[in-house]
Structure formats: structure tokens, C-alpha cells
């Protein structure tokens, strides 16, 4: 068997390091940040739809299953969360670390809020919980750059 000569590698080339080279990590991170921002926009859009439908058409939800409050209150709360999510998404598109912090906080609070209203529309709530989980992962893993 012939032995192949291996060329020495530079110390910081990223070979054998989990996550690859810094350039590969930065490219993958840009994709995850864009994904998280788009998912925040999608969650914000869904919350706008849910908030408006809760305010306009109360026959769409099972009002008896709410943990507390009335459907109008939940409609306003979801519209407020939608505004925060959309604002955070634009900050993340601008690659702001504050946008990442805000996005993680909003996703955590939104997940808790969705759990409190899961009885009113369980399928929609599960979809929103999954979206929140993906947002948190993308922002926590790649939202703070190499300085974190």
C-alpha cells in the first residue's frame, strides 16, 4: 500500500473542526438568520390573521377552551405580538444582534402565550410552537456572530 503525502494545514483553516471553516460557518449562519427572519415574518403574518379572525369572527374558535380572558383580548394580544415579530424580523434582516435577542425573547414569550391558548385551536398552536422552536434555534446558533 502506498502512503500518500499529506500537506500540512494551517492552524485556523477549520479542517476537522465542528462547523467547518469560519467562511462556511458564516455562510450557513447567514442562511439560518434569513430563515429565522422569514419564519418570524410568517409567524407575524399568521398572528395577524388569527388576531383579526378572533376580533371579527368569534365562531371560528372554541371560546370555552381558553385558559382565561375573552376572545377579543386574545385577538388584540396576537396583533401586538405580530407587530413585535415583524419588527424583529426586519432587525434580523439587517443582521442586528439586538434583533436576534429580541427575536429569541419574542419567540419564547409567544411560545408560552400559544400554550395558554392551545385549547382554542390546537393545530394552529402546534404549528406556531414549531415555528417558534426553529426561530430560537436559528437565532441562538447564528444570531450573534463570532463575537459571542
N, C-alpha and C. Protein backbone atom coordinates (compact mmCIF):
# COMPACT_ATOMS: atom_id res chain seq x y z
N UNK A 1 0.84 -1.17 0.00
CA UNK A 1 0.00 0.00 0.00
C UNK A 1 0.88 1.23 0.00
N UNK A 2 0.53 2.11 -0.84
CA UNK A 2 1.30 3.35 -0.95
C UNK A 2 0.79 4.36 0.06
N UNK A 3 1.73 5.04 0.65
CA UNK A 3 1.38 6.10 1.60
C UNK A 3 1.35 7.41 0.86
N UNK A 4 0.27 8.15 1.08
CA UNK A 4 0.16 9.45 0.43
C UNK A 4 0.76 10.50 1.32
N UNK A 5 1.39 11.46 0.69
CA UNK A 5 1.95 12.59 1.43
C UNK A 5 0.82 13.55 1.76
N UNK A 6 0.74 13.92 2.97
CA UNK A 6 -0.27 14.90 3.36
C UNK A 6 0.42 16.24 3.57
N UNK A 7 -0.20 17.25 3.02
CA UNK A 7 0.36 18.59 3.19
C UNK A 7 -0.06 19.14 4.54
N UNK A 8 0.84 19.83 5.19
CA UNK A 8 0.45 20.42 6.48
C UNK A 8 -0.61 21.49 6.29
N UNK A 9 -1.51 21.58 7.22
CA UNK A 9 -2.61 22.53 7.15
C UNK A 9 -2.33 23.69 8.11
N UNK A 10 -2.88 24.83 7.74
CA UNK A 10 -2.76 26.00 8.62
C UNK A 10 -3.60 25.77 9.87
N UNK A 11 -3.21 26.41 10.94
CA UNK A 11 -3.89 26.18 12.23
C UNK A 11 -5.34 26.61 12.21
N UNK A 12 -5.68 27.64 11.47
CA UNK A 12 -7.05 28.17 11.52
C UNK A 12 -7.86 27.87 10.28
N UNK A 13 -7.56 26.77 9.55
CA UNK A 13 -8.30 26.53 8.31
C UNK A 13 -9.62 25.84 8.52
N UNK A 14 -9.93 25.37 9.73
CA UNK A 14 -11.24 24.82 10.04
C UNK A 14 -11.40 23.35 9.69
N UNK A 15 -10.36 22.70 9.15
CA UNK A 15 -10.47 21.30 8.79
C UNK A 15 -10.49 20.48 10.07
N UNK A 16 -11.46 19.62 10.20
CA UNK A 16 -11.58 18.77 11.37
C UNK A 16 -12.27 19.44 12.54
N UNK A 17 -12.63 20.70 12.38
CA UNK A 17 -13.30 21.44 13.44
C UNK A 17 -14.80 21.36 13.21
N UNK A 18 -15.57 21.01 14.22
CA UNK A 18 -17.03 21.00 14.03
C UNK A 18 -17.52 22.37 13.57
N UNK A 19 -18.30 22.36 12.52
CA UNK A 19 -18.83 23.62 11.98
C UNK A 19 -18.07 24.10 10.77
N UNK A 20 -16.90 23.51 10.48
CA UNK A 20 -16.15 23.87 9.29
C UNK A 20 -15.38 25.16 9.46
N UNK A 21 -14.95 25.70 8.34
CA UNK A 21 -14.16 26.92 8.35
C UNK A 21 -15.03 28.11 8.74
N UNK A 22 -14.41 29.20 9.15
CA UNK A 22 -15.20 30.38 9.50
C UNK A 22 -16.05 30.88 8.34
N UNK A 23 -15.56 30.76 7.13
CA UNK A 23 -16.34 31.20 5.97
C UNK A 23 -17.56 30.32 5.79
N UNK A 24 -17.38 28.99 5.92
CA UNK A 24 -18.52 28.08 5.80
C UNK A 24 -19.55 28.34 6.90
N UNK A 25 -19.07 28.58 8.11
CA UNK A 25 -19.98 28.87 9.22
C UNK A 25 -20.73 30.17 8.98
N UNK A 26 -20.04 31.18 8.45
CA UNK A 26 -20.68 32.46 8.19
C UNK A 26 -21.76 32.31 7.11
N UNK A 27 -21.47 31.53 6.07
CA UNK A 27 -22.47 31.32 5.02
C UNK A 27 -23.67 30.56 5.54
N UNK A 28 -23.41 29.50 6.33
CA UNK A 28 -24.51 28.73 6.91
C UNK A 28 -25.29 29.59 7.90
N UNK A 29 -24.57 30.42 8.66
CA UNK A 29 -25.22 31.31 9.61
C UNK A 29 -26.11 32.33 8.93
N UNK A 30 -25.65 32.84 7.78
CA UNK A 30 -26.48 33.81 7.03
C UNK A 30 -27.77 33.14 6.57
N UNK A 31 -27.69 31.89 6.18
CA UNK A 31 -28.89 31.17 5.78
C UNK A 31 -29.85 30.97 6.94
N UNK A 32 -29.32 30.60 8.11
CA UNK A 32 -30.18 30.40 9.28
C UNK A 32 -30.79 31.71 9.75
N UNK A 33 -30.02 32.81 9.69
CA UNK A 33 -30.57 34.10 10.10
C UNK A 33 -31.69 34.53 9.16
N UNK A 34 -31.48 34.33 7.87
CA UNK A 34 -32.54 34.66 6.91
C UNK A 34 -33.75 33.78 7.15
N UNK A 35 -33.51 32.50 7.41
CA UNK A 35 -34.60 31.57 7.71
C UNK A 35 -35.38 32.02 8.94
N UNK A 36 -34.65 32.39 10.01
CA UNK A 36 -35.31 32.83 11.24
C UNK A 36 -36.12 34.10 11.01
N UNK A 37 -35.57 35.04 10.22
CA UNK A 37 -36.29 36.28 9.94
C UNK A 37 -37.55 35.99 9.12
N UNK A 38 -37.44 35.11 8.14
CA UNK A 38 -38.62 34.76 7.33
C UNK A 38 -39.66 34.06 8.19
N UNK A 39 -39.21 33.18 9.09
CA UNK A 39 -40.16 32.49 9.97
C UNK A 39 -40.83 33.46 10.94
N UNK A 40 -40.07 34.48 11.42
CA UNK A 40 -40.69 35.50 12.26
C UNK A 40 -41.74 36.27 11.47
N UNK A 41 -41.44 36.57 10.21
CA UNK A 41 -42.44 37.23 9.36
C UNK A 41 -43.66 36.34 9.16
N UNK A 42 -43.41 35.04 8.95
CA UNK A 42 -44.54 34.11 8.76
C UNK A 42 -45.37 34.02 10.04
N UNK A 43 -44.70 33.91 11.20
CA UNK A 43 -45.43 33.85 12.47
C UNK A 43 -46.20 35.14 12.70
N UNK A 44 -45.57 36.27 12.36
CA UNK A 44 -46.26 37.54 12.49
C UNK A 44 -47.48 37.62 11.59
N UNK A 45 -47.33 37.13 10.36
CA UNK A 45 -48.47 37.11 9.44
C UNK A 45 -49.59 36.21 9.92
N UNK A 46 -49.23 35.04 10.45
CA UNK A 46 -50.24 34.14 10.99
C UNK A 46 -50.93 34.76 12.21
N UNK A 47 -50.17 35.46 13.03
CA UNK A 47 -50.76 36.11 14.19
C UNK A 47 -51.68 37.25 13.79
N UNK A 48 -51.36 37.95 12.71
CA UNK A 48 -52.27 38.98 12.20
C UNK A 48 -53.59 38.33 11.79
N UNK A 49 -53.51 37.22 11.05
CA UNK A 49 -54.73 36.52 10.63
C UNK A 49 -55.53 36.02 11.83
N UNK A 50 -54.83 35.42 12.80
CA UNK A 50 -55.50 34.89 13.97
C UNK A 50 -56.12 36.01 14.80
N UNK A 51 -55.39 37.11 14.98
CA UNK A 51 -55.91 38.23 15.75
C UNK A 51 -57.13 38.86 15.11
N UNK A 52 -57.08 39.07 13.80
CA UNK A 52 -58.22 39.66 13.10
C UNK A 52 -59.41 38.72 13.14
N UNK A 53 -59.17 37.43 12.90
CA UNK A 53 -60.30 36.49 12.92
C UNK A 53 -60.89 36.36 14.32
N UNK A 54 -60.07 36.49 15.36
CA UNK A 54 -60.60 36.45 16.73
C UNK A 54 -61.46 37.67 17.02
N UNK A 55 -61.08 38.82 16.46
CA UNK A 55 -61.85 40.04 16.69
C UNK A 55 -63.12 40.09 15.85
N UNK A 56 -63.07 39.54 14.63
CA UNK A 56 -64.19 39.68 13.69
C UNK A 56 -65.16 38.51 13.76
N UNK A 57 -64.63 37.28 13.79
CA UNK A 57 -65.48 36.10 13.67
C UNK A 57 -65.23 35.18 14.86
N UNK A 58 -65.96 35.36 15.93
CA UNK A 58 -65.73 34.55 17.12
C UNK A 58 -66.28 33.14 17.01
N UNK A 59 -66.97 32.80 15.94
CA UNK A 59 -67.43 31.42 15.73
C UNK A 59 -66.30 30.51 15.25
N UNK A 60 -65.18 31.08 14.86
CA UNK A 60 -64.06 30.33 14.30
C UNK A 60 -63.28 29.58 15.38
N UNK A 61 -63.35 30.04 16.62
CA UNK A 61 -62.59 29.46 17.72
C UNK A 61 -63.51 28.87 18.77
N UNK A 62 -62.99 27.91 19.52
CA UNK A 62 -63.72 27.32 20.64
C UNK A 62 -63.46 28.19 21.87
N UNK A 63 -64.33 29.15 22.10
CA UNK A 63 -64.14 30.15 23.15
C UNK A 63 -64.12 29.51 24.53
N UNK A 64 -64.85 28.43 24.72
CA UNK A 64 -64.93 27.78 26.03
C UNK A 64 -63.60 27.18 26.47
N UNK A 65 -62.69 26.94 25.53
CA UNK A 65 -61.42 26.27 25.84
C UNK A 65 -60.29 27.23 26.19
N UNK A 66 -60.53 28.52 26.19
CA UNK A 66 -59.48 29.47 26.54
C UNK A 66 -59.12 29.36 28.01
N UNK A 67 -57.86 29.50 28.32
CA UNK A 67 -57.40 29.40 29.70
C UNK A 67 -57.97 30.55 30.54
N UNK A 68 -57.92 31.76 30.02
CA UNK A 68 -58.51 32.91 30.68
C UNK A 68 -58.76 33.99 29.65
N UNK A 69 -59.57 34.97 30.01
CA UNK A 69 -59.84 36.10 29.13
C UNK A 69 -60.88 35.76 28.08
N UNK A 70 -61.23 36.77 27.33
CA UNK A 70 -62.18 36.56 26.25
C UNK A 70 -61.46 36.60 24.90
N UNK A 71 -62.18 36.28 23.87
CA UNK A 71 -61.58 36.16 22.54
C UNK A 71 -61.09 37.51 22.01
N UNK A 72 -61.77 38.59 22.35
CA UNK A 72 -61.33 39.92 21.91
C UNK A 72 -59.97 40.27 22.51
N UNK A 73 -59.77 39.94 23.78
CA UNK A 73 -58.48 40.20 24.41
C UNK A 73 -57.37 39.42 23.71
N UNK A 74 -57.61 38.15 23.41
CA UNK A 74 -56.61 37.34 22.74
C UNK A 74 -56.34 37.86 21.33
N UNK A 75 -57.37 38.37 20.66
CA UNK A 75 -57.16 38.95 19.32
C UNK A 75 -56.22 40.13 19.37
N UNK A 76 -56.39 41.01 20.35
CA UNK A 76 -55.52 42.18 20.50
C UNK A 76 -54.10 41.74 20.87
N UNK A 77 -53.98 40.77 21.77
CA UNK A 77 -52.66 40.28 22.18
C UNK A 77 -51.91 39.72 20.98
N UNK A 78 -52.58 38.93 20.16
CA UNK A 78 -51.92 38.34 19.00
C UNK A 78 -51.56 39.41 17.97
N UNK A 79 -52.34 40.44 17.83
CA UNK A 79 -51.98 41.53 16.92
C UNK A 79 -50.75 42.28 17.43
N UNK A 80 -50.63 42.46 18.75
CA UNK A 80 -49.44 43.10 19.32
C UNK A 80 -48.20 42.24 19.10
N UNK A 81 -48.33 40.93 19.32
CA UNK A 81 -47.20 40.03 19.06
C UNK A 81 -46.81 40.05 17.59
N UNK A 82 -47.77 40.15 16.71
CA UNK A 82 -47.48 40.20 15.27
C UNK A 82 -46.64 41.42 14.95
N UNK A 83 -46.97 42.56 15.53
CA UNK A 83 -46.20 43.78 15.28
C UNK A 83 -44.76 43.63 15.78
N UNK A 84 -44.59 43.04 16.97
CA UNK A 84 -43.24 42.82 17.51
C UNK A 84 -42.45 41.84 16.66
N UNK A 85 -43.10 40.76 16.21
CA UNK A 85 -42.41 39.77 15.39
C UNK A 85 -41.96 40.36 14.06
N UNK A 86 -42.79 41.13 13.44
CA UNK A 86 -42.44 41.72 12.16
C UNK A 86 -41.31 42.74 12.34
N UNK A 87 -41.35 43.53 13.41
CA UNK A 87 -40.26 44.47 13.69
C UNK A 87 -38.94 43.76 13.93
N UNK A 88 -38.96 42.68 14.71
CA UNK A 88 -37.74 41.91 14.98
C UNK A 88 -37.21 41.27 13.71
N UNK A 89 -38.09 40.82 12.84
CA UNK A 89 -37.66 40.20 11.58
C UNK A 89 -36.86 41.20 10.74
N UNK A 90 -37.30 42.44 10.68
CA UNK A 90 -36.57 43.43 9.90
C UNK A 90 -35.22 43.76 10.54
N UNK A 91 -35.15 43.74 11.87
CA UNK A 91 -33.85 43.93 12.54
C UNK A 91 -32.91 42.77 12.22
N UNK A 92 -33.43 41.56 12.18
CA UNK A 92 -32.60 40.39 11.87
C UNK A 92 -32.15 40.43 10.41
N UNK A 93 -33.01 40.87 9.51
CA UNK A 93 -32.59 41.04 8.12
C UNK A 93 -31.41 42.00 8.03
N UNK A 94 -31.37 43.00 8.93
CA UNK A 94 -30.26 43.95 8.98
C UNK A 94 -29.07 43.42 9.76
N UNK A 95 -29.12 42.16 10.19
CA UNK A 95 -28.06 41.47 10.93
C UNK A 95 -27.72 42.16 12.24
N UNK A 96 -28.73 42.65 12.92
CA UNK A 96 -28.57 43.30 14.21
C UNK A 96 -28.59 42.24 15.31
N UNK A 97 -27.59 42.30 16.20
CA UNK A 97 -27.58 41.38 17.35
C UNK A 97 -28.78 41.66 18.25
N UNK A 98 -29.19 42.92 18.33
CA UNK A 98 -30.38 43.26 19.12
C UNK A 98 -31.61 42.59 18.52
N UNK A 99 -31.66 42.48 17.20
CA UNK A 99 -32.76 41.77 16.55
C UNK A 99 -32.79 40.30 16.95
N UNK A 100 -31.59 39.70 17.08
CA UNK A 100 -31.52 38.29 17.50
C UNK A 100 -32.02 38.13 18.94
N UNK A 101 -31.59 39.03 19.82
CA UNK A 101 -32.04 38.97 21.21
C UNK A 101 -33.55 39.17 21.28
N UNK A 102 -34.04 40.19 20.57
CA UNK A 102 -35.47 40.47 20.56
C UNK A 102 -36.25 39.30 19.96
N UNK A 103 -35.72 38.71 18.88
CA UNK A 103 -36.39 37.57 18.25
C UNK A 103 -36.49 36.37 19.16
N UNK A 104 -35.41 36.07 19.89
CA UNK A 104 -35.45 34.94 20.83
C UNK A 104 -36.45 35.21 21.94
N UNK A 105 -36.41 36.42 22.49
CA UNK A 105 -37.36 36.77 23.56
C UNK A 105 -38.80 36.70 23.10
N UNK A 106 -39.07 37.24 21.91
CA UNK A 106 -40.43 37.21 21.38
C UNK A 106 -40.88 35.77 21.13
N UNK A 107 -39.98 34.95 20.57
CA UNK A 107 -40.35 33.56 20.29
C UNK A 107 -40.64 32.80 21.59
N UNK A 108 -39.85 33.05 22.64
CA UNK A 108 -40.10 32.40 23.93
C UNK A 108 -41.43 32.84 24.53
N UNK A 109 -41.68 34.15 24.55
CA UNK A 109 -42.94 34.65 25.08
C UNK A 109 -44.13 34.18 24.24
N UNK A 110 -43.93 34.19 22.94
CA UNK A 110 -45.01 33.75 22.05
C UNK A 110 -45.32 32.27 22.28
N UNK A 111 -44.28 31.45 22.48
CA UNK A 111 -44.50 30.03 22.75
C UNK A 111 -45.30 29.81 24.02
N UNK A 112 -44.99 30.59 25.06
CA UNK A 112 -45.75 30.48 26.30
C UNK A 112 -47.19 30.95 26.11
N UNK A 113 -47.37 32.01 25.34
CA UNK A 113 -48.72 32.51 25.08
C UNK A 113 -49.54 31.50 24.27
N UNK A 114 -48.89 30.87 23.30
CA UNK A 114 -49.58 29.87 22.49
C UNK A 114 -50.01 28.69 23.36
N UNK A 115 -49.17 28.29 24.31
CA UNK A 115 -49.54 27.19 25.21
C UNK A 115 -50.77 27.53 26.05
N UNK A 116 -50.91 28.80 26.41
CA UNK A 116 -52.07 29.21 27.22
C UNK A 116 -53.36 29.20 26.40
N UNK A 117 -53.26 29.31 25.09
CA UNK A 117 -54.47 29.34 24.27
C UNK A 117 -54.58 28.12 23.36
N UNK A 118 -53.88 27.04 23.68
CA UNK A 118 -53.85 25.87 22.81
C UNK A 118 -55.22 25.19 22.71
N UNK A 119 -56.04 25.33 23.72
CA UNK A 119 -57.36 24.69 23.68
C UNK A 119 -58.31 25.31 22.67
N UNK A 120 -58.10 26.58 22.32
CA UNK A 120 -59.00 27.24 21.38
C UNK A 120 -58.80 26.74 19.95
N UNK A 121 -57.56 26.47 19.57
CA UNK A 121 -57.29 25.99 18.21
C UNK A 121 -55.97 25.21 18.24
N UNK A 122 -56.03 23.94 18.59
CA UNK A 122 -54.81 23.18 18.87
C UNK A 122 -53.87 22.99 17.68
N UNK A 123 -54.37 22.75 16.50
CA UNK A 123 -53.50 22.50 15.35
C UNK A 123 -52.69 23.76 15.02
N UNK A 124 -53.36 24.90 15.00
CA UNK A 124 -52.69 26.16 14.72
C UNK A 124 -51.62 26.44 15.78
N UNK A 125 -51.94 26.15 17.03
CA UNK A 125 -51.00 26.40 18.12
C UNK A 125 -49.76 25.51 18.00
N UNK A 126 -49.93 24.28 17.60
CA UNK A 126 -48.78 23.38 17.44
C UNK A 126 -47.89 23.86 16.30
N UNK A 127 -48.49 24.32 15.21
CA UNK A 127 -47.70 24.87 14.10
C UNK A 127 -46.90 26.08 14.57
N UNK A 128 -47.53 26.96 15.33
CA UNK A 128 -46.83 28.15 15.82
C UNK A 128 -45.72 27.78 16.81
N UNK A 129 -45.92 26.76 17.63
CA UNK A 129 -44.87 26.31 18.54
C UNK A 129 -43.66 25.77 17.76
N UNK A 130 -43.91 25.04 16.69
CA UNK A 130 -42.82 24.53 15.86
C UNK A 130 -42.05 25.68 15.21
N UNK A 131 -42.76 26.68 14.72
CA UNK A 131 -42.12 27.84 14.12
C UNK A 131 -41.27 28.56 15.17
N UNK A 132 -41.80 28.74 16.37
CA UNK A 132 -41.04 29.39 17.44
C UNK A 132 -39.76 28.62 17.77
N UNK A 133 -39.83 27.31 17.81
CA UNK A 133 -38.65 26.49 18.08
C UNK A 133 -37.58 26.66 17.02
N UNK A 134 -37.97 26.70 15.76
CA UNK A 134 -36.99 26.90 14.69
C UNK A 134 -36.38 28.29 14.74
N UNK A 135 -37.18 29.29 15.09
CA UNK A 135 -36.67 30.66 15.22
C UNK A 135 -35.62 30.72 16.33
N UNK A 136 -35.93 30.14 17.48
CA UNK A 136 -34.99 30.15 18.60
C UNK A 136 -33.70 29.46 18.23
N UNK A 137 -33.77 28.31 17.56
CA UNK A 137 -32.55 27.61 17.17
C UNK A 137 -31.71 28.46 16.22
N UNK A 138 -32.33 28.98 15.18
CA UNK A 138 -31.57 29.76 14.19
C UNK A 138 -30.91 30.97 14.80
N UNK A 139 -31.62 31.67 15.67
CA UNK A 139 -31.06 32.88 16.27
C UNK A 139 -30.03 32.57 17.35
N UNK A 140 -30.27 31.54 18.14
CA UNK A 140 -29.32 31.19 19.19
C UNK A 140 -28.02 30.64 18.61
N UNK A 141 -28.11 29.88 17.54
CA UNK A 141 -26.92 29.27 16.97
C UNK A 141 -26.11 30.25 16.13
N UNK A 142 -26.77 31.18 15.43
CA UNK A 142 -26.06 32.01 14.48
C UNK A 142 -26.35 33.51 14.59
N UNK A 143 -27.16 33.92 15.54
CA UNK A 143 -27.61 35.31 15.57
C UNK A 143 -26.66 36.31 16.18
N UNK A 144 -25.56 35.87 16.78
CA UNK A 144 -24.70 36.79 17.49
C UNK A 144 -23.32 36.92 16.87
N UNK A 145 -23.11 36.33 15.72
CA UNK A 145 -21.81 36.44 15.05
C UNK A 145 -20.74 35.66 15.77
N UNK A 146 -19.49 35.94 15.44
CA UNK A 146 -18.36 35.24 16.05
C UNK A 146 -17.92 35.84 17.37
N UNK A 147 -18.47 37.00 17.72
CA UNK A 147 -18.06 37.66 18.96
C UNK A 147 -18.67 37.01 20.19
N UNK A 148 -19.78 36.27 20.02
CA UNK A 148 -20.48 35.69 21.17
C UNK A 148 -19.78 34.48 21.70
